[in-house]
N, C-alpha and C. Protein backbone atom coordinates (compact mmCIF):
# COMPACT_ATOMS: atom_id res chain seq x y z
N UNK A 1 -40.40 0.46 -36.04
CA UNK A 1 -39.47 0.14 -36.95
C UNK A 1 -40.10 -0.62 -38.06
N UNK A 2 -39.72 -0.35 -39.54
CA UNK A 2 -40.41 -1.00 -40.75
C UNK A 2 -40.17 -2.73 -40.61
N UNK A 3 -41.21 -3.02 -41.52
CA UNK A 3 -41.02 -4.57 -40.96
C UNK A 3 -40.06 -5.41 -41.76
N UNK A 4 -39.56 -4.85 -43.10
CA UNK A 4 -38.26 -5.55 -43.61
C UNK A 4 -37.28 -5.71 -43.14
N UNK A 5 -36.80 -4.31 -42.17
CA UNK A 5 -35.85 -4.08 -41.60
C UNK A 5 -35.77 -5.08 -40.30
N UNK A 6 -37.03 -4.98 -39.59
CA UNK A 6 -37.26 -5.87 -38.28
C UNK A 6 -37.06 -7.64 -38.99
N UNK A 7 -37.22 -7.80 -40.01
CA UNK A 7 -36.73 -9.29 -40.68
C UNK A 7 -35.57 -9.34 -40.54
N UNK A 8 -34.77 -8.48 -41.23
CA UNK A 8 -33.34 -8.46 -41.47
C UNK A 8 -32.82 -8.89 -40.33
N UNK A 9 -33.33 -7.67 -39.12
CA UNK A 9 -32.90 -8.33 -37.97
C UNK A 9 -32.65 -9.58 -37.00
N UNK A 10 -34.02 -9.79 -37.38
CA UNK A 10 -34.37 -11.24 -36.91
C UNK A 10 -33.55 -12.24 -37.31
N UNK A 11 -33.48 -12.25 -38.75
CA UNK A 11 -32.35 -13.14 -39.48
C UNK A 11 -30.95 -13.19 -39.11
N UNK A 12 -30.66 -11.71 -38.67
CA UNK A 12 -29.06 -11.84 -38.16
C UNK A 12 -29.00 -12.35 -36.76
N UNK A 13 -29.95 -12.44 -36.24
CA UNK A 13 -29.88 -12.78 -34.25
C UNK A 13 -29.90 -14.43 -34.79
N UNK A 14 -30.98 -14.78 -35.45
CA UNK A 14 -30.96 -16.03 -35.86
C UNK A 14 -29.88 -16.43 -36.18
N UNK A 15 -28.64 -16.07 -37.26
CA UNK A 15 -27.42 -16.20 -37.63
C UNK A 15 -26.61 -16.53 -36.45
N UNK A 16 -26.54 -15.48 -35.57
CA UNK A 16 -25.83 -15.33 -34.23
C UNK A 16 -26.02 -16.33 -33.49
N UNK A 17 -27.49 -16.72 -33.33
CA UNK A 17 -27.89 -17.78 -32.37
C UNK A 17 -27.26 -19.00 -32.74
N UNK A 18 -27.48 -19.38 -33.99
CA UNK A 18 -26.90 -20.83 -34.24
C UNK A 18 -25.43 -21.06 -34.34
N UNK A 19 -24.39 -19.59 -34.57
CA UNK A 19 -23.21 -19.89 -34.70
C UNK A 19 -22.72 -19.71 -33.14
N UNK A 20 -23.63 -19.18 -32.15
CA UNK A 20 -23.29 -19.52 -31.02
C UNK A 20 -23.61 -20.75 -30.41
N UNK A 21 -24.34 -21.51 -30.92
CA UNK A 21 -24.44 -23.08 -30.59
C UNK A 21 -23.18 -23.79 -30.89
N UNK A 22 -22.85 -23.54 -32.39
CA UNK A 22 -21.77 -24.00 -32.77
C UNK A 22 -20.25 -23.70 -32.21
N UNK A 23 -20.19 -22.19 -31.72
CA UNK A 23 -19.13 -22.24 -31.13
C UNK A 23 -18.91 -22.48 -29.58
N UNK A 24 -19.96 -22.43 -29.01
CA UNK A 24 -19.94 -22.58 -27.33
C UNK A 24 -19.11 -23.41 -27.04
N UNK A 25 -18.80 -24.57 -27.45
CA UNK A 25 -17.88 -25.35 -26.84
C UNK A 25 -16.33 -25.18 -27.22
N UNK A 26 -16.22 -24.31 -28.01
CA UNK A 26 -15.09 -23.76 -28.64
C UNK A 26 -14.44 -22.55 -28.07
N UNK A 27 -14.89 -21.67 -27.53
CA UNK A 27 -14.96 -20.06 -26.78
C UNK A 27 -15.55 -20.08 -25.33
N UNK A 28 -15.08 -19.43 -24.60
CA UNK A 28 -15.86 -18.98 -23.28
C UNK A 28 -16.51 -17.97 -22.96
N UNK A 29 -16.98 -17.33 -24.50
CA UNK A 29 -17.58 -16.15 -24.55
C UNK A 29 -19.21 -16.46 -24.96
N UNK A 30 -19.73 -16.50 -24.25
CA UNK A 30 -21.41 -16.88 -24.58
C UNK A 30 -21.98 -15.57 -25.54
N UNK A 31 -22.02 -16.04 -26.70
CA UNK A 31 -23.00 -15.41 -27.66
C UNK A 31 -24.28 -15.71 -27.58
N UNK A 32 -24.65 -16.54 -26.94
CA UNK A 32 -26.31 -16.74 -26.25
C UNK A 32 -26.75 -15.37 -25.64
N UNK A 33 -26.05 -15.06 -24.89
CA UNK A 33 -26.17 -13.80 -24.20
C UNK A 33 -26.15 -12.83 -24.88
N UNK A 34 -25.27 -12.70 -25.71
CA UNK A 34 -25.54 -11.49 -26.84
C UNK A 34 -26.85 -11.58 -27.39
N UNK A 35 -27.18 -12.78 -28.12
CA UNK A 35 -28.62 -12.79 -28.76
C UNK A 35 -29.57 -12.42 -28.05
N UNK A 36 -29.59 -12.49 -27.01
CA UNK A 36 -30.57 -12.72 -25.84
C UNK A 36 -31.04 -10.68 -25.73
N UNK A 37 -29.51 -10.31 -25.30
CA UNK A 37 -29.89 -8.82 -25.38
C UNK A 37 -30.31 -8.37 -26.67
N UNK A 38 -29.65 -8.88 -27.76
CA UNK A 38 -30.32 -8.11 -29.02
C UNK A 38 -31.66 -8.18 -29.18
N UNK A 39 -32.17 -9.49 -28.95
CA UNK A 39 -33.72 -9.45 -28.83
C UNK A 39 -34.69 -8.79 -27.76
N UNK A 40 -33.80 -8.67 -26.85
CA UNK A 40 -34.46 -7.68 -25.83
C UNK A 40 -34.30 -6.59 -26.38
N UNK A 41 -33.56 -5.77 -27.03
CA UNK A 41 -33.65 -4.65 -27.77
C UNK A 41 -34.97 -4.47 -28.82
N UNK A 42 -34.78 -5.47 -29.62
CA UNK A 42 -36.17 -5.73 -30.67
C UNK A 42 -37.35 -5.53 -29.93
N UNK A 43 -37.56 -6.02 -28.86
CA UNK A 43 -38.88 -6.13 -28.07
C UNK A 43 -39.35 -4.91 -27.15
N UNK A 44 -38.51 -4.17 -27.40
CA UNK A 44 -38.63 -3.06 -26.49
C UNK A 44 -38.80 -1.68 -27.48
N UNK A 45 -40.49 -1.65 -27.20
CA UNK A 45 -41.06 -0.84 -28.04
C UNK A 45 -40.65 0.41 -27.96
N UNK A 46 -40.23 0.83 -27.16
CA UNK A 46 -39.31 2.50 -26.77
C UNK A 46 -38.38 2.50 -27.99
N UNK A 47 -37.54 1.63 -28.55
CA UNK A 47 -36.48 1.65 -28.94
C UNK A 47 -36.78 1.66 -30.57
N UNK A 48 -36.74 2.93 -31.23
CA UNK A 48 -36.83 3.12 -32.95
C UNK A 48 -35.90 2.71 -33.71
N UNK A 49 -34.40 2.61 -33.01
CA UNK A 49 -33.33 1.96 -33.78
C UNK A 49 -32.43 1.34 -32.91
N UNK A 50 -32.36 0.21 -33.23
CA UNK A 50 -31.10 -1.12 -32.88
C UNK A 50 -29.93 -0.39 -33.40
N UNK A 51 -29.06 -0.05 -32.16
CA UNK A 51 -27.55 -0.10 -32.37
C UNK A 51 -27.00 -1.00 -31.46
N UNK A 52 -26.30 -1.96 -32.53
CA UNK A 52 -25.18 -2.80 -31.90
C UNK A 52 -24.31 -2.57 -30.72
N UNK A 53 -24.21 -1.01 -30.69
CA UNK A 53 -22.99 -0.54 -29.63
C UNK A 53 -23.57 -0.34 -28.47
N UNK A 54 -24.73 -0.44 -27.98
CA UNK A 54 -25.87 0.24 -27.09
C UNK A 54 -25.89 -1.68 -26.19
N UNK A 55 -25.51 -2.48 -26.56
CA UNK A 55 -25.84 -3.69 -25.95
C UNK A 55 -24.78 -3.33 -24.65
N UNK A 56 -25.17 -3.61 -23.58
CA UNK A 56 -24.33 -3.81 -22.31
C UNK A 56 -23.12 -4.09 -22.40
N UNK A 57 -22.00 -3.12 -22.47
CA UNK A 57 -20.59 -3.57 -22.37
C UNK A 57 -19.84 -4.15 -21.10
N UNK A 58 -20.83 -3.81 -20.16
CA UNK A 58 -20.33 -4.52 -18.84
C UNK A 58 -20.53 -5.63 -18.89
N UNK A 59 -21.17 -6.39 -19.48
CA UNK A 59 -21.58 -7.99 -19.48
C UNK A 59 -20.39 -8.50 -20.34
N UNK A 60 -20.24 -7.53 -21.39
CA UNK A 60 -19.30 -8.08 -22.81
C UNK A 60 -18.09 -7.90 -21.92
N UNK A 61 -17.64 -7.16 -21.24
CA UNK A 61 -16.39 -7.12 -20.76
C UNK A 61 -15.96 -8.37 -19.79
N UNK A 62 -17.14 -8.67 -19.05
CA UNK A 62 -16.80 -9.69 -18.37
C UNK A 62 -16.73 -11.55 -19.17
N UNK A 63 -17.48 -11.11 -20.36
CA UNK A 63 -17.27 -12.20 -21.04
C UNK A 63 -15.85 -12.32 -21.62
N UNK A 64 -15.41 -11.14 -22.44
CA UNK A 64 -14.00 -10.78 -22.71
C UNK A 64 -12.93 -11.65 -21.79
N UNK A 65 -12.93 -11.11 -20.88
CA UNK A 65 -12.20 -11.72 -19.64
C UNK A 65 -11.97 -13.22 -19.39
N UNK A 66 -13.24 -13.75 -19.16
CA UNK A 66 -13.58 -15.01 -19.22
C UNK A 66 -13.12 -15.85 -20.47
N UNK A 67 -12.98 -15.13 -21.53
CA UNK A 67 -12.21 -15.59 -22.92
C UNK A 67 -10.75 -15.60 -22.65
N UNK A 68 -10.44 -14.26 -22.17
CA UNK A 68 -8.94 -14.14 -22.29
C UNK A 68 -8.20 -14.96 -21.07
N UNK A 69 -8.54 -14.67 -20.08
CA UNK A 69 -7.93 -15.44 -18.70
C UNK A 69 -7.40 -17.09 -18.68
N UNK A 70 -8.36 -18.02 -19.33
CA UNK A 70 -7.49 -19.03 -19.53
C UNK A 70 -6.77 -19.48 -20.32
N UNK A 71 -6.66 -18.72 -21.53
CA UNK A 71 -5.44 -18.46 -22.41
C UNK A 71 -4.41 -17.80 -21.72
N UNK A 72 -4.37 -16.57 -21.28
CA UNK A 72 -3.25 -16.00 -20.20
C UNK A 72 -2.74 -17.24 -19.47
N UNK A 73 -3.43 -17.69 -18.73
CA UNK A 73 -2.94 -18.48 -17.58
C UNK A 73 -2.37 -19.70 -18.01
N UNK A 74 -2.44 -20.36 -19.17
CA UNK A 74 -2.29 -21.28 -19.69
C UNK A 74 -0.47 -21.25 -20.28
N UNK A 75 -0.34 -19.99 -20.08
CA UNK A 75 1.23 -19.78 -20.64
C UNK A 75 2.11 -20.07 -19.64
N UNK A 76 2.94 -21.08 -19.71
CA UNK A 76 3.39 -21.92 -18.60
C UNK A 76 5.03 -20.84 -18.13
N UNK A 77 5.19 -19.80 -19.08
CA UNK A 77 6.50 -19.27 -18.91
C UNK A 77 6.01 -17.83 -18.11
N UNK A 78 4.71 -17.41 -18.27
CA UNK A 78 4.42 -16.32 -17.64
C UNK A 78 3.62 -16.99 -16.16
N UNK A 79 3.31 -18.02 -16.30
CA UNK A 79 2.75 -18.59 -14.81
C UNK A 79 3.27 -19.80 -14.53
N UNK A 80 4.55 -19.68 -14.02
CA UNK A 80 5.14 -21.07 -13.43
C UNK A 80 4.74 -22.03 -12.86
N UNK A 81 3.51 -21.40 -11.79
CA UNK A 81 3.11 -22.14 -10.83
C UNK A 81 1.68 -21.81 -10.46
N UNK A 82 0.93 -22.94 -9.96
CA UNK A 82 -0.67 -22.01 -9.50
C UNK A 82 -0.57 -21.03 -8.62
N UNK A 83 0.91 -20.99 -7.65
CA UNK A 83 0.77 -19.76 -6.81
C UNK A 83 0.92 -18.26 -7.81
N UNK A 84 1.43 -18.54 -9.33
CA UNK A 84 1.55 -17.35 -9.80
C UNK A 84 0.36 -16.97 -10.49
N UNK A 85 -0.35 -17.76 -10.46
CA UNK A 85 -2.12 -17.39 -11.02
C UNK A 85 -2.90 -16.73 -9.79
N UNK A 86 -2.52 -17.34 -8.67
CA UNK A 86 -3.34 -17.03 -7.58
C UNK A 86 -2.97 -15.58 -7.01
N UNK A 87 -1.34 -15.25 -7.66
CA UNK A 87 -0.87 -13.92 -7.20
C UNK A 87 -1.60 -12.86 -8.15
N UNK A 88 -1.58 -13.43 -9.45
CA UNK A 88 -2.60 -12.60 -10.46
C UNK A 88 -4.21 -12.06 -10.00
N UNK A 89 -4.30 -13.53 -9.60
CA UNK A 89 -6.02 -13.14 -9.28
C UNK A 89 -6.12 -12.34 -7.94
N UNK A 90 -5.29 -12.36 -6.89
CA UNK A 90 -5.29 -11.67 -6.00
C UNK A 90 -4.90 -9.72 -6.27
N UNK A 91 -3.96 -9.66 -6.68
CA UNK A 91 -3.66 -8.63 -7.13
C UNK A 91 -4.10 -7.70 -8.46
N UNK A 92 -4.62 -8.54 -9.20
CA UNK A 92 -5.18 -7.81 -10.30
C UNK A 92 -6.48 -7.76 -10.44
N UNK A 93 -7.30 -9.12 -10.22
CA UNK A 93 -8.68 -8.84 -9.94
C UNK A 93 -9.39 -8.71 -8.80
N UNK A 94 -8.53 -8.91 -7.70
CA UNK A 94 -8.97 -8.98 -6.29
C UNK A 94 -9.77 -9.82 -5.71
N UNK A 95 -9.39 -11.07 -6.60
CA UNK A 95 -10.05 -12.34 -6.06
C UNK A 95 -9.13 -13.19 -4.99
N UNK A 96 -9.96 -13.41 -3.66
CA UNK A 96 -8.89 -14.32 -2.98
C UNK A 96 -9.30 -15.47 -2.93
N UNK A 97 -8.31 -16.31 -3.02
CA UNK A 97 -8.52 -17.74 -3.21
C UNK A 97 -7.35 -18.61 -2.03
N UNK A 98 -8.14 -19.68 -1.11
CA UNK A 98 -7.17 -20.18 -0.44
C UNK A 98 -6.03 -21.20 -1.20
N UNK A 99 -5.20 -21.12 -0.54
CA UNK A 99 -3.87 -21.73 -1.10
C UNK A 99 -3.61 -22.65 -0.16
N UNK A 100 -4.35 -23.03 0.63
CA UNK A 100 -4.27 -24.34 1.61
C UNK A 100 -4.74 -25.78 0.57
N UNK A 101 -5.63 -25.34 -0.14
CA UNK A 101 -6.60 -26.54 -0.66
C UNK A 101 -5.00 -27.36 -1.77
N UNK A 102 -4.36 -26.52 -2.20
CA UNK A 102 -3.49 -27.18 -3.21
C UNK A 102 -3.98 -27.64 -4.26
N UNK A 103 -4.98 -27.18 -4.88
CA UNK A 103 -5.58 -27.36 -6.10
C UNK A 103 -4.66 -27.42 -7.46
N UNK A 104 -4.96 -28.27 -8.41
CA UNK A 104 -4.00 -28.18 -10.12
C UNK A 104 -4.56 -26.93 -10.56
N UNK A 105 -3.57 -26.38 -11.29
CA UNK A 105 -3.63 -25.14 -12.03
C UNK A 105 -4.96 -25.17 -12.81
N UNK A 106 -5.45 -26.18 -13.37
CA UNK A 106 -6.70 -25.84 -14.11
C UNK A 106 -7.72 -25.44 -13.31
N UNK A 107 -7.77 -26.51 -12.24
CA UNK A 107 -8.72 -26.28 -10.92
C UNK A 107 -9.04 -24.42 -10.81
N UNK A 108 -7.52 -24.16 -10.47
CA UNK A 108 -7.69 -22.69 -10.05
C UNK A 108 -8.03 -21.55 -11.39
N UNK A 109 -7.71 -22.20 -12.55
CA UNK A 109 -7.87 -21.43 -13.59
C UNK A 109 -9.67 -21.64 -13.55
N UNK A 110 -10.31 -22.65 -13.47
CA UNK A 110 -11.43 -22.61 -13.41
C UNK A 110 -12.26 -21.85 -12.53
N UNK A 111 -11.92 -22.02 -11.20
CA UNK A 111 -12.41 -21.15 -10.20
C UNK A 111 -12.28 -19.90 -10.46
N UNK A 112 -11.32 -19.28 -10.94
CA UNK A 112 -11.12 -17.79 -10.93
C UNK A 112 -12.09 -17.03 -12.18
N UNK A 113 -12.17 -18.06 -13.21
CA UNK A 113 -13.14 -17.73 -14.26
C UNK A 113 -14.70 -17.53 -13.79
N UNK A 114 -15.03 -18.65 -13.09
CA UNK A 114 -15.90 -18.50 -12.24
C UNK A 114 -16.42 -17.25 -11.54
N UNK A 115 -15.55 -16.88 -10.83
CA UNK A 115 -15.11 -15.66 -9.92
C UNK A 115 -15.70 -13.97 -11.01
N UNK A 116 -15.06 -14.23 -12.31
CA UNK A 116 -14.97 -13.11 -12.98
C UNK A 116 -16.35 -12.63 -12.63
N UNK A 117 -17.68 -13.18 -13.27
CA UNK A 117 -18.67 -12.50 -13.28
C UNK A 117 -19.42 -11.77 -12.09
N UNK A 118 -18.77 -11.96 -10.82
CA UNK A 118 -19.19 -11.24 -9.70
C UNK A 118 -18.37 -9.97 -9.57
N UNK A 119 -17.43 -9.87 -10.25
CA UNK A 119 -16.44 -8.38 -10.02
C UNK A 119 -17.14 -7.48 -10.37
N UNK A 120 -16.38 -6.42 -9.76
CA UNK A 120 -16.80 -4.69 -10.17
C UNK A 120 -17.19 -4.42 -11.79
N UNK A 121 -18.21 -3.82 -11.92
CA UNK A 121 -17.88 -3.66 -13.50
C UNK A 121 -17.18 -2.39 -13.90
N UNK A 122 -17.14 -1.39 -12.98
CA UNK A 122 -16.27 -0.42 -13.53
C UNK A 122 -14.62 -0.88 -13.84
N UNK A 123 -14.38 -1.47 -12.84
CA UNK A 123 -12.84 -1.86 -12.63
C UNK A 123 -12.46 -3.08 -13.95
N UNK A 124 -13.44 -3.71 -14.45
CA UNK A 124 -13.24 -4.49 -15.56
C UNK A 124 -13.32 -4.04 -16.56
N UNK A 125 -14.13 -2.70 -16.89
CA UNK A 125 -13.67 -2.19 -18.09
C UNK A 125 -12.58 -2.02 -18.44
N UNK A 126 -11.82 -1.35 -17.90
CA UNK A 126 -10.05 -0.87 -18.17
C UNK A 126 -9.36 -2.03 -18.10
N UNK A 127 -9.26 -3.34 -17.39
CA UNK A 127 -8.62 -4.37 -17.34
C UNK A 127 -9.14 -5.34 -18.54
N UNK A 128 -10.16 -5.23 -19.24
CA UNK A 128 -10.59 -6.41 -19.95
C UNK A 128 -9.71 -5.87 -21.31
N UNK A 129 -9.98 -4.57 -21.52
CA UNK A 129 -9.56 -3.79 -22.76
C UNK A 129 -7.82 -3.91 -22.59
N UNK A 130 -7.60 -3.90 -21.52
CA UNK A 130 -5.81 -3.94 -21.60
C UNK A 130 -5.28 -5.14 -21.86
N UNK A 131 -6.01 -6.28 -21.11
CA UNK A 131 -5.49 -7.55 -21.48
C UNK A 131 -5.83 -8.22 -22.48
N UNK A 132 -7.20 -7.41 -23.40
CA UNK A 132 -7.35 -7.72 -24.87
C UNK A 132 -6.51 -7.71 -25.52
N UNK A 133 -5.60 -6.27 -25.64
CA UNK A 133 -4.87 -5.44 -26.18
C UNK A 133 -3.26 -6.11 -25.93
N UNK A 134 -3.09 -6.92 -24.83
CA UNK A 134 -2.05 -7.41 -24.35
C UNK A 134 -1.64 -9.01 -24.85
N UNK A 135 -2.48 -9.90 -24.75
CA UNK A 135 -2.81 -11.16 -24.87
C UNK A 135 -2.47 -11.51 -26.32
N UNK A 136 -2.90 -10.76 -27.18
CA UNK A 136 -2.91 -10.61 -28.75
C UNK A 136 -1.70 -10.31 -29.12
N UNK A 137 -0.67 -10.01 -28.23
CA UNK A 137 0.81 -9.43 -29.13
C UNK A 137 1.98 -10.16 -28.09
N UNK A 138 2.51 -11.04 -28.90
CA UNK A 138 3.51 -11.29 -28.43
C UNK A 138 4.79 -10.51 -27.78
N UNK A 139 4.79 -9.55 -28.28
CA UNK A 139 6.10 -9.00 -27.96
C UNK A 139 5.69 -7.96 -26.45
N UNK A 140 4.37 -7.91 -26.28
CA UNK A 140 3.98 -7.59 -24.88
C UNK A 140 4.08 -8.51 -24.03
N UNK A 141 3.36 -9.95 -24.54
CA UNK A 141 3.61 -11.03 -23.37
C UNK A 141 5.32 -11.15 -23.22
N UNK A 142 5.90 -10.95 -24.09
CA UNK A 142 7.67 -11.27 -24.37
C UNK A 142 8.05 -10.50 -22.99
N UNK A 143 7.42 -8.76 -23.11
CA UNK A 143 8.07 -7.71 -22.17
C UNK A 143 7.49 -8.18 -20.58
N UNK A 144 6.50 -8.77 -20.33
CA UNK A 144 5.83 -9.18 -19.23
C UNK A 144 6.79 -10.29 -18.64
N UNK A 145 7.10 -11.21 -19.50
CA UNK A 145 7.89 -12.39 -19.21
C UNK A 145 9.05 -11.68 -18.38
N UNK A 146 9.91 -10.75 -19.27
CA UNK A 146 11.24 -10.06 -18.64
C UNK A 146 10.89 -9.44 -17.57
N UNK A 147 9.87 -8.61 -17.35
CA UNK A 147 9.46 -7.78 -16.19
C UNK A 147 9.47 -8.73 -15.09
N UNK A 148 8.69 -10.05 -15.17
CA UNK A 148 8.46 -10.99 -13.93
C UNK A 148 9.60 -11.21 -13.39
N UNK A 149 10.71 -11.35 -13.97
CA UNK A 149 12.12 -11.77 -13.62
C UNK A 149 12.54 -10.49 -12.39
N UNK A 150 12.16 -9.48 -12.60
CA UNK A 150 12.56 -8.48 -11.61
C UNK A 150 11.63 -8.65 -10.12
N UNK A 151 12.87 -8.21 -8.82
CA UNK A 151 12.17 -8.64 -8.01
C UNK A 151 11.13 -7.63 -7.42
N UNK A 152 11.19 -6.48 -7.80
CA UNK A 152 9.76 -5.73 -7.85
C UNK A 152 8.68 -6.08 -8.75
N UNK A 153 8.20 -6.85 -9.30
CA UNK A 153 7.47 -7.20 -10.28
C UNK A 153 6.01 -6.75 -9.64
N UNK A 154 5.45 -5.93 -10.33
CA UNK A 154 3.93 -5.91 -10.22
C UNK A 154 3.05 -5.96 -11.22
N UNK A 155 2.18 -6.73 -11.20
CA UNK A 155 1.40 -6.99 -12.59
C UNK A 155 0.45 -6.01 -12.78
N UNK A 156 -0.34 -5.08 -11.70
CA UNK A 156 -0.89 -3.75 -12.25
C UNK A 156 -0.01 -2.89 -12.82
N UNK A 157 1.38 -2.74 -12.41
CA UNK A 157 2.46 -1.57 -13.09
C UNK A 157 2.31 -2.33 -14.61
N UNK A 158 2.65 -3.63 -14.29
CA UNK A 158 3.14 -4.01 -15.90
C UNK A 158 1.79 -3.95 -16.89
N UNK A 159 0.85 -4.31 -16.64
CA UNK A 159 -0.29 -4.32 -17.30
C UNK A 159 -0.71 -2.72 -17.92
N UNK A 160 -0.61 -1.73 -17.02
CA UNK A 160 -0.55 -0.24 -17.11
C UNK A 160 0.58 0.17 -18.00
N UNK A 161 1.64 -0.09 -18.09
CA UNK A 161 3.02 0.24 -18.98
C UNK A 161 2.50 -0.38 -20.09
N UNK A 162 1.89 -1.76 -20.36
CA UNK A 162 2.14 -2.37 -21.75
C UNK A 162 0.72 -1.60 -22.33
N UNK A 163 -0.32 -1.25 -21.69
CA UNK A 163 -1.71 -1.17 -22.47
C UNK A 163 -1.62 0.54 -22.88
N UNK A 164 -0.48 0.90 -22.62
CA UNK A 164 -0.13 2.21 -22.84
C UNK A 164 0.61 2.42 -24.19
N UNK A 165 1.55 1.07 -24.41
CA UNK A 165 2.19 0.75 -25.86
C UNK A 165 1.29 0.99 -26.90
């Protein structure tokens, strides 16, 4: 790789690294991990070209979910009680949590978010893209809220239907 190109990439990495420090307490997505991945690519002698899309999407999908889930779970209409959050975690994320401990809403959110990095990468790819598509769209959130009032509501079905729209 030519020296001027490598210097520009290093400058970009430094900028992203500094931004990550500024944004760390504002977001749950770790930009530091992204910077480390880019640095690894630069240090890899076998790579002739650095392609930003070659960064492992599996790790980024987990980071996307870690950022999206707290925002989603804090919607009091969508998740009226901690049990609603636990139902989502069990049915969609396949995370089993004890209901006996009677924790607060925020405690359950924190525990679920901490479990996300342990989840299966293949399952998370589709889920993180679907949730990212739904969370930013008020009309889709409204449709989920309406569907949730139905007796046979299924999180998986709702996510699948809305991600196709």
